[in-house]
Amino acid sequence: MVEGRTKEGFATVKNFLYSEPKVFRELLHKIAHATILYLNAQIAAGVAAVQLFDTWCGELDLHDYTEFVLPAVQKIVSGLGNKVPVIYYTKASHHLLPSVVKAGANVLSVDWRVPLGEIRKLAGPRVALQGNLDPAVLFAPQEKIRKSTLDIVAELSGHGHILNLGHGILQNTPVENAQLFIHTGQQAVLQQAQPAVPSRP
C-alpha cells in the first residue's frame, strides 16, 4: 500500500511512519476498521475462527510496534466482539512478544524462532499457542521431521497448543513429508490423551 512491493528494510513505509506519525496511525486505524467489516462479514457467513497475519511486524522495534501497530490490532480484536476465536500470527517477533501478548487474541500463532515454553510464560495459561515447526524442516530426513515434531508437542504437552508450521508451507515441499508431520503430531497427541495404565505390584 505504501512501499508498493515487498522490499527488504521497508525504508519507504518507515520513513512515512517517522515523518508523518499521526497520518500513519490514522492509516492503520482505517485499515483496522475495514478489516473489522470484512471479518465480521466472514463471521456472518459462518467461519469458525479468523486469523490475522502480521508477517512483517518483526521489521519494527518494540517501541514502534507498541505505539502504532498494537492499538490497531487491539481495535480489530475488540471489534469482532468475541463471536469467534481470533488467531494472531506474528513473524520474527521475538523482540515484540511483551506487546504481542497484549493484543487480545485467543490464540497466538508464532514462528520457530522462540520456544513455545518461553511464549507460554509471557502469554499465561488463558491464551492458546499455535505453531511452530520451521517449514524448512519438511525438507529434512524423515527421522528429523519426527523428532522436531515430537519435541514441539512435548514442549507444552498438548495443553493449549495447536500444532502447526511456523509459517506457510514452502513450495516443492514433499507431500509425504507434510503428511508425516501431521501423522506424527496426531499420534503424539493421542498417546498423551491415553490414561496411564497402573503398573502391577
C-alpha atoms as a PDB file:
ATOM      1  CA  MET A   1       0.000   0.000   0.000  1.00  0.00           C
ATOM      2  CA  VAL A   2       2.856   2.386   0.847  1.00  0.00           C
ATOM      3  CA  GLU A   3       6.003   0.508  -0.152  1.00  0.00           C
ATOM      4  CA  GLY A   4       4.416  -0.758  -3.373  1.00  0.00           C
ATOM      5  CA  ARG A   5       6.118  -4.136  -3.169  1.00  0.00           C
ATOM      6  CA  THR A   6       7.954  -6.450  -0.810  1.00  0.00           C
ATOM      7  CA  LYS A   7      11.301  -4.852  -0.065  1.00  0.00           C
ATOM      8  CA  GLU A   8      13.980  -5.574   2.500  1.00  0.00           C
ATOM      9  CA  GLY A   9      14.081  -2.957   5.241  1.00  0.00           C
ATOM     10  CA  PHE A  10      10.833  -1.202   4.178  1.00  0.00           C
ATOM     11  CA  ALA A  11      12.574   2.176   4.053  1.00  0.00           C
ATOM     12  CA  THR A  12       9.649   3.934   2.348  1.00  0.00           C
ATOM     13  CA  VAL A  13       6.982   2.938   4.843  1.00  0.00           C
ATOM     14  CA  LYS A  14       9.307   3.511   7.794  1.00  0.00           C
ATOM     15  CA  ASN A  15      10.092   6.990   6.500  1.00  0.00           C
ATOM     16  CA  PHE A  16       6.330   7.575   6.341  1.00  0.00           C
ATOM     17  CA  LEU A  17       5.971   6.376   9.942  1.00  0.00           C
ATOM     18  CA  TYR A  18       8.780   8.602  11.227  1.00  0.00           C
ATOM     19  CA  SER A  19       7.933  11.719   9.217  1.00  0.00           C
ATOM     20  CA  GLU A  20       4.125  11.545   9.489  1.00  0.00           C
ATOM     21  CA  PRO A  21       3.352   9.531  12.653  1.00  0.00           C
ATOM     22  CA  LYS A  22      -0.154  10.956  13.059  1.00  0.00           C
ATOM     23  CA  VAL A  23      -1.143  10.181   9.465  1.00  0.00           C
ATOM     24  CA  PHE A  24       0.464   6.746   9.721  1.00  0.00           C
ATOM     25  CA  ARG A  25      -1.548   5.969  12.852  1.00  0.00           C
ATOM     26  CA  GLU A  26      -4.746   7.158  11.146  1.00  0.00           C
ATOM     27  CA  LEU A  27      -3.988   4.912   8.151  1.00  0.00           C
ATOM     28  CA  LEU A  28      -3.560   1.867  10.390  1.00  0.00           C
ATOM     29  CA  HIS A  29      -6.866   2.584  12.094  1.00  0.00           C
ATOM     30  CA  LYS A  30      -8.632   2.949   8.741  1.00  0.00           C
ATOM     31  CA  ILE A  31      -7.181  -0.435   7.742  1.00  0.00           C
ATOM     32  CA  ALA A  32      -8.321  -1.836  11.089  1.00  0.00           C
ATOM     33  CA  HIS A  33     -11.854  -0.535  10.518  1.00  0.00           C
ATOM     34  CA  ALA A  34     -12.002  -2.085   7.035  1.00  0.00           C
ATOM     35  CA  THR A  35     -10.644  -5.353   8.437  1.00  0.00           C
ATOM     36  CA  ILE A  36     -13.334  -5.415  11.123  1.00  0.00           C
ATOM     37  CA  LEU A  37     -16.056  -5.033   8.479  1.00  0.00           C
ATOM     38  CA  TYR A  38     -14.520  -7.771   6.347  1.00  0.00           C
ATOM     39  CA  LEU A  39     -14.006 -10.242   9.191  1.00  0.00           C
ATOM     40  CA  ASN A  40     -17.466  -9.651  10.621  1.00  0.00           C
ATOM     41  CA  ALA A  41     -18.846 -10.484   7.167  1.00  0.00           C
ATOM     42  CA  GLN A  42     -16.804 -13.682   7.215  1.00  0.00           C
ATOM     43  CA  ILE A  43     -18.172 -14.491  10.673  1.00  0.00           C
ATOM     44  CA  ALA A  44     -21.732 -13.825   9.491  1.00  0.00           C
ATOM     45  CA  ALA A  45     -21.061 -16.247   6.630  1.00  0.00           C
ATOM     46  CA  GLY A  46     -20.237 -18.978   9.130  1.00  0.00           C
ATOM     47  CA  VAL A  47     -16.473 -19.162   9.702  1.00  0.00           C
ATOM     48  CA  ALA A  48     -15.433 -20.910  12.913  1.00  0.00           C
ATOM     49  CA  ALA A  49     -12.383 -18.702  13.555  1.00  0.00           C
ATOM     50  CA  VAL A  50     -10.436 -15.861  11.970  1.00  0.00           C
ATOM     51  CA  GLN A  51      -6.688 -15.287  11.708  1.00  0.00           C
ATOM     52  CA  LEU A  52      -4.723 -12.059  11.357  1.00  0.00           C
ATOM     53  CA  PHE A  53      -1.371 -12.383   9.589  1.00  0.00           C
ATOM     54  CA  ASP A  54       1.247  -9.848  10.686  1.00  0.00           C
ATOM     55  CA  THR A  55       4.117 -11.200   8.618  1.00  0.00           C
ATOM     56  CA  TRP A  56       6.244  -8.030   8.607  1.00  0.00           C
ATOM     57  CA  CYS A  57       5.756  -6.759  12.170  1.00  0.00           C
ATOM     58  CA  GLY A  58       9.219  -8.060  13.065  1.00  0.00           C
ATOM     59  CA  GLU A  59      10.687  -5.232  10.978  1.00  0.00           C
ATOM     60  CA  LEU A  60       9.665  -2.808  13.741  1.00  0.00           C
ATOM     61  CA  ASP A  61      11.256  -2.299  17.121  1.00  0.00           C
ATOM     62  CA  LEU A  62       9.256  -2.798  20.310  1.00  0.00           C
ATOM     63  CA  HIS A  63       8.500   0.901  20.762  1.00  0.00           C
ATOM     64  CA  ASP A  64       7.117   1.447  17.254  1.00  0.00           C
ATOM     65  CA  TYR A  65       5.116  -1.783  17.332  1.00  0.00           C
ATOM     66  CA  THR A  66       3.595  -0.868  20.706  1.00  0.00           C
ATOM     67  CA  GLU A  67       2.911   2.723  19.700  1.00  0.00           C
ATOM     68  CA  PHE A  68       1.415   2.155  16.251  1.00  0.00           C
ATOM     69  CA  VAL A  69       0.575  -1.464  15.448  1.00  0.00           C
ATOM     70  CA  LEU A  70      -0.675  -2.865  18.754  1.00  0.00           C
ATOM     71  CA  PRO A  71      -3.578  -0.364  19.131  1.00  0.00           C
ATOM     72  CA  ALA A  72      -4.773  -1.198  15.603  1.00  0.00           C
ATOM     73  CA  VAL A  73      -4.648  -4.936  16.298  1.00  0.00           C
ATOM     74  CA  GLN A  74      -6.459  -4.461  19.597  1.00  0.00           C
ATOM     75  CA  LYS A  75      -9.128  -2.450  17.758  1.00  0.00           C
ATOM     76  CA  ILE A  76      -9.671  -5.318  15.324  1.00  0.00           C
ATOM     77  CA  VAL A  77      -9.888  -7.949  18.044  1.00  0.00           C
ATOM     78  CA  SER A  78     -12.336  -5.925  20.136  1.00  0.00           C
ATOM     79  CA  GLY A  79     -14.362  -5.056  17.028  1.00  0.00           C
ATOM     80  CA  LEU A  80     -15.151  -8.733  16.461  1.00  0.00           C
ATOM     81  CA  GLY A  81     -16.946  -8.959  19.789  1.00  0.00           C
ATOM     82  CA  ASN A  82     -15.832 -12.427  20.866  1.00  0.00           C
ATOM     83  CA  LYS A  83     -18.050 -14.018  18.215  1.00  0.00           C
ATOM     84  CA  VAL A  84     -15.365 -16.496  17.165  1.00  0.00           C
ATOM     85  CA  PRO A  85     -11.796 -17.218  18.289  1.00  0.00           C
ATOM     86  CA  VAL A  86      -9.204 -14.814  16.898  1.00  0.00           C
ATOM     87  CA  ILE A  87      -5.775 -16.157  15.934  1.00  0.00           C
ATOM     88  CA  TYR A  88      -2.961 -13.606  15.611  1.00  0.00           C
ATOM     89  CA  TYR A  89       0.143 -14.634  13.676  1.00  0.00           C
ATOM     90  CA  THR A  90       3.386 -12.689  14.009  1.00  0.00           C
ATOM     91  CA  LYS A  91       6.673 -13.498  12.301  1.00  0.00           C
ATOM     92  CA  ALA A  92      10.211 -12.746  13.556  1.00  0.00           C
ATOM     93  CA  SER A  93       8.542 -11.098  16.529  1.00  0.00           C
ATOM     94  CA  HIS A  94      10.564 -12.486  19.450  1.00  0.00           C
ATOM     95  CA  HIS A  95      11.561  -8.935  20.467  1.00  0.00           C
ATOM     96  CA  LEU A  96       7.905  -7.818  20.287  1.00  0.00           C
ATOM     97  CA  LEU A  97       6.336 -10.590  22.372  1.00  0.00           C
ATOM     98  CA  PRO A  98       5.860  -8.487  25.542  1.00  0.00           C
ATOM     99  CA  SER A  99       3.414  -6.376  23.492  1.00  0.00           C
ATOM    100  CA  VAL A 100       2.103  -9.075  21.140  1.00  0.00           C
ATOM    101  CA  VAL A 101       0.665 -10.978  24.118  1.00  0.00           C
ATOM    102  CA  LYS A 102      -1.458  -7.889  24.898  1.00  0.00           C
ATOM    103  CA  ALA A 103      -3.233  -7.954  21.528  1.00  0.00           C
ATOM    104  CA  GLY A 104      -6.281  -9.684  22.995  1.00  0.00           C
ATOM    105  CA  ALA A 105      -6.263 -12.630  20.599  1.00  0.00           C
ATOM    106  CA  ASN A 106      -7.459 -16.029  21.782  1.00  0.00           C
ATOM    107  CA  VAL A 107      -4.576 -17.755  20.001  1.00  0.00           C
ATOM    108  CA  LEU A 108      -1.052 -16.518  19.283  1.00  0.00           C
ATOM    109  CA  SER A 109       0.435 -18.161  16.212  1.00  0.00           C
ATOM    110  CA  VAL A 110       4.218 -17.915  16.258  1.00  0.00           C
ATOM    111  CA  ASP A 111       7.234 -18.792  14.144  1.00  0.00           C
ATOM    112  CA  TRP A 112      10.052 -21.183  15.035  1.00  0.00           C
ATOM    113  CA  ARG A 113      12.483 -18.628  16.481  1.00  0.00           C
ATOM    114  CA  VAL A 114      11.245 -18.723  20.082  1.00  0.00           C
ATOM    115  CA  PRO A 115      10.496 -21.844  22.169  1.00  0.00           C
ATOM    116  CA  LEU A 116       6.810 -22.276  22.912  1.00  0.00           C
ATOM    117  CA  GLY A 117       7.548 -22.639  26.620  1.00  0.00           C
ATOM    118  CA  GLU A 118       9.049 -19.163  26.702  1.00  0.00           C
ATOM    119  CA  ILE A 119       5.994 -17.685  24.985  1.00  0.00           C
ATOM    120  CA  ARG A 120       3.702 -19.542  27.370  1.00  0.00           C
ATOM    121  CA  LYS A 121       5.401 -17.800  30.317  1.00  0.00           C
ATOM    122  CA  LEU A 122       4.684 -14.420  28.730  1.00  0.00           C
ATOM    123  CA  ALA A 123       1.164 -15.154  27.492  1.00  0.00           C
ATOM    124  CA  GLY A 124      -0.120 -17.026  30.523  1.00  0.00           C
ATOM    125  CA  PRO A 125      -2.473 -20.015  30.551  1.00  0.00           C
ATOM    126  CA  ARG A 126      -5.547 -18.348  29.023  1.00  0.00           C
ATOM    127  CA  VAL A 127      -4.071 -17.822  25.546  1.00  0.00           C
ATOM    128  CA  ALA A 128      -3.580 -20.795  23.247  1.00  0.00           C
ATOM    129  CA  LEU A 129      -0.427 -21.065  21.140  1.00  0.00           C
ATOM    130  CA  GLN A 130      -0.188 -22.230  17.543  1.00  0.00           C
ATOM    131  CA  GLY A 131       2.979 -23.392  15.786  1.00  0.00           C
ATOM    132  CA  ASN A 132       5.848 -23.644  15.436  1.00  0.00           C
ATOM    133  CA  LEU A 133       7.814 -26.032  13.201  1.00  0.00           C
ATOM    134  CA  ASP A 134      10.240 -24.367  10.798  1.00  0.00           C
ATOM    135  CA  PRO A 135       8.731 -25.106   7.344  1.00  0.00           C
ATOM    136  CA  ALA A 136      12.225 -25.916   6.050  1.00  0.00           C
ATOM    137  CA  VAL A 137      12.325 -28.951   8.364  1.00  0.00           C
ATOM    138  CA  LEU A 138       9.866 -30.631   5.977  1.00  0.00           C
ATOM    139  CA  PHE A 139      12.737 -30.974   3.509  1.00  0.00           C
ATOM    140  CA  ALA A 140      14.807 -32.895   6.083  1.00  0.00           C
ATOM    141  CA  PRO A 141      15.118 -36.672   6.503  1.00  0.00           C
ATOM    142  CA  GLN A 142      12.005 -38.276   7.971  1.00  0.00           C
ATOM    143  CA  GLU A 143      13.652 -39.031  11.309  1.00  0.00           C
ATOM    144  CA  LYS A 144      14.449 -35.320  11.740  1.00  0.00           C
ATOM    145  CA  ILE A 145      10.833 -34.415  10.935  1.00  0.00           C
ATOM    146  CA  ARG A 146       9.553 -36.897  13.511  1.00  0.00           C
ATOM    147  CA  LYS A 147      11.942 -35.693  16.219  1.00  0.00           C
ATOM    148  CA  SER A 148      11.266 -31.994  15.619  1.00  0.00           C
ATOM    149  CA  THR A 149       7.521 -32.575  15.652  1.00  0.00           C
ATOM    150  CA  LEU A 150       7.628 -34.624  18.851  1.00  0.00           C
ATOM    151  CA  ASP A 151       9.848 -32.023  20.532  1.00  0.00           C
ATOM    152  CA  ILE A 152       7.288 -29.303  19.789  1.00  0.00           C
ATOM    153  CA  VAL A 153       4.355 -31.387  21.042  1.00  0.00           C
ATOM    154  CA  ALA A 154       6.263 -32.295  24.217  1.00  0.00           C
ATOM    155  CA  GLU A 155       7.108 -28.680  24.996  1.00  0.00           C
ATOM    156  CA  LEU A 156       3.544 -27.849  26.075  1.00  0.00           C
ATOM    157  CA  SER A 157       2.330 -31.447  26.478  1.00  0.00           C
ATOM    158  CA  GLY A 158      -0.523 -30.638  24.112  1.00  0.00           C
ATOM    159  CA  HIS A 159      -2.127 -28.194  26.579  1.00  0.00           C
ATOM    160  CA  GLY A 160      -3.466 -25.055  24.899  1.00  0.00           C
ATOM    161  CA  HIS A 161      -1.472 -25.828  21.767  1.00  0.00           C
ATOM    162  CA  ILE A 162      -2.375 -26.123  18.088  1.00  0.00           C
ATOM    163  CA  LEU A 163       0.407 -27.924  16.241  1.00  0.00           C
ATOM    164  CA  ASN A 164       1.285 -26.117  13.047  1.00  0.00           C
ATOM    165  CA  LEU A 165       4.128 -24.788  10.948  1.00  0.00           C
ATOM    166  CA  GLY A 166       5.804 -21.569  11.997  1.00  0.00           C
ATOM    167  CA  HIS A 167       4.886 -20.032   8.613  1.00  0.00           C
ATOM    168  CA  GLY A 168       3.324 -21.119   5.329  1.00  0.00           C
ATOM    169  CA  ILE A 169       4.378 -24.361   3.706  1.00  0.00           C
ATOM    170  CA  LEU A 170       7.252 -23.855   1.267  1.00  0.00           C
ATOM    171  CA  GLN A 171       6.979 -24.525  -2.451  1.00  0.00           C
ATOM    172  CA  ASN A 172       8.116 -28.005  -3.528  1.00  0.00           C
ATOM    173  CA  THR A 173       7.723 -29.435  -0.019  1.00  0.00           C
ATOM    174  CA  PRO A 174       7.414 -33.224  -0.438  1.00  0.00           C
ATOM    175  CA  VAL A 175       3.797 -34.168   0.166  1.00  0.00           C
ATOM    176  CA  GLU A 176       4.811 -37.305   2.074  1.00  0.00           C
ATOM    177  CA  ASN A 177       6.874 -35.185   4.485  1.00  0.00           C
ATOM    178  CA  ALA A 178       3.931 -32.886   5.199  1.00  0.00           C
ATOM    179  CA  GLN A 179       1.787 -35.983   5.785  1.00  0.00           C
ATOM    180  CA  LEU A 180       4.446 -37.373   8.149  1.00  0.00           C
ATOM    181  CA  PHE A 181       4.396 -34.133  10.158  1.00  0.00           C
ATOM    182  CA  ILE A 182       0.613 -34.308  10.546  1.00  0.00           C
ATOM    183  CA  HIS A 183       0.558 -38.038  11.310  1.00  0.00           C
ATOM    184  CA  THR A 184       3.360 -37.744  13.876  1.00  0.00           C
ATOM    185  CA  GLY A 185       1.569 -34.906  15.641  1.00  0.00           C
ATOM    186  CA  GLN A 186      -1.744 -36.778  15.691  1.00  0.00           C
ATOM    187  CA  GLN A 187      -0.159 -39.918  17.121  1.00  0.00           C
ATOM    188  CA  ALA A 188       1.711 -37.950  19.785  1.00  0.00           C
ATOM    189  CA  VAL A 189      -1.452 -36.193  20.939  1.00  0.00           C
ATOM    190  CA  LEU A 190      -3.397 -39.468  21.017  1.00  0.00           C
ATOM    191  CA  GLN A 191      -0.707 -41.051  23.159  1.00  0.00           C
ATOM    192  CA  GLN A 192      -0.787 -38.123  25.576  1.00  0.00           C
ATOM    193  CA  ALA A 193      -4.581 -38.414  25.844  1.00  0.00           C
ATOM    194  CA  GLN A 194      -4.488 -42.098  26.812  1.00  0.00           C
ATOM    195  CA  PRO A 195      -4.681 -42.674  30.575  1.00  0.00           C
ATOM    196  CA  ALA A 196      -1.631 -44.220  32.110  1.00  0.00           C
ATOM    197  CA  VAL A 197      -2.017 -47.915  32.908  1.00  0.00           C
ATOM    198  CA  PRO A 198      -1.104 -48.514  36.559  1.00  0.00           C
ATOM    199  CA  SER A 199       1.723 -50.952  36.999  1.00  0.00           C
ATOM    200  CA  ARG A 200       1.007 -54.195  38.798  1.00  0.00           C
ATOM    201  CA  PRO A 201       2.529 -54.635  42.233  1.00  0.00           C
END
